[in-house]
Amino acid sequence: MSRFSLRTAFPRTPNPLSQAVAERQSRGLPLLDLAENNPTRVGLPQPDPRVLLKPGPPGLP
């Protein structure tokens, strides 16, 4: 649970979304993290090296 400064008036209890996430995690159920930015962590394969951009200082020939 994230903590805010005591000077704020934010409620210090978990919101419904964080409660639902914690419940799924406690049951061992999978979660779909839409904020994940590493494709290999979500089961996508490494791209073919031939399609990767290889920038060079002089630019395109």
Protein backbone atom coordinates (compact mmCIF):
# COMPACT_ATOMS: atom_id res chain seq x y z
CA MET A 1 0.00 0.00 0.00
CA SER A 2 1.41 3.40 -0.91
CA ARG A 3 1.73 5.96 1.79
CA PHE A 4 0.89 9.63 1.47
CA SER A 5 1.98 12.49 3.63
CA LEU A 6 0.02 12.80 6.84
CA ARG A 7 -0.76 16.37 5.76
CA THR A 8 -3.08 15.12 3.00
CA ALA A 9 -6.71 14.23 3.45
CA PHE A 10 -6.47 11.07 1.33
CA PRO A 11 -8.10 8.01 2.86
CA ARG A 12 -5.50 5.65 4.26
CA THR A 13 -7.45 2.51 3.47
CA PRO A 14 -6.95 0.38 0.36
CA ASN A 15 -9.24 1.28 -2.53
CA PRO A 16 -11.50 -1.35 -4.18
CA LEU A 17 -9.03 -1.96 -7.01
CA SER A 18 -6.07 -2.60 -4.72
CA GLN A 19 -8.29 -4.85 -2.58
CA ALA A 20 -9.29 -6.88 -5.66
CA VAL A 21 -5.65 -7.21 -6.75
CA ALA A 22 -4.59 -8.34 -3.27
CA GLU A 23 -7.42 -10.88 -3.16
CA ARG A 24 -6.46 -12.37 -6.56
CA GLN A 25 -2.81 -12.53 -5.52
CA SER A 26 -3.68 -14.24 -2.24
CA ARG A 27 -5.66 -16.88 -4.16
CA GLY A 28 -2.79 -17.43 -6.57
CA LEU A 29 -4.86 -16.28 -9.56
CA PRO A 30 -3.12 -14.68 -12.53
CA LEU A 31 -3.18 -10.93 -13.10
CA LEU A 32 -3.01 -9.14 -16.43
CA ASP A 33 -0.69 -6.16 -15.94
CA LEU A 34 -1.51 -3.70 -18.72
CA ALA A 35 1.30 -1.41 -17.58
CA GLU A 36 4.07 -3.98 -18.25
CA ASN A 37 6.46 -2.63 -20.89
CA ASN A 38 8.84 -5.58 -21.25
CA PRO A 39 7.44 -7.94 -23.92
CA THR A 40 9.51 -10.91 -22.74
CA ARG A 41 7.88 -10.74 -19.28
CA VAL A 42 4.45 -11.35 -20.80
CA GLY A 43 5.48 -14.28 -22.97
CA LEU A 44 6.20 -12.52 -26.26
CA PRO A 45 9.31 -13.82 -28.03
CA GLN A 46 12.42 -11.80 -28.78
CA PRO A 47 12.09 -10.13 -32.22
CA ASP A 48 14.13 -11.36 -35.15
CA PRO A 49 17.44 -9.41 -35.07
CA ARG A 50 17.03 -8.62 -38.79
CA VAL A 51 14.04 -6.36 -38.09
CA LEU A 52 15.67 -4.36 -35.27
CA LEU A 53 16.65 -0.77 -35.96
CA LYS A 54 20.41 -0.28 -36.03
CA PRO A 55 20.88 3.48 -36.03
CA GLY A 56 24.22 4.83 -37.10
CA PRO A 57 25.79 8.27 -36.69
CA PRO A 58 25.83 9.12 -40.43
CA GLY A 59 22.20 8.10 -40.93
CA LEU A 60 20.93 6.13 -43.89
CA PRO A 61 23.30 5.54 -46.85
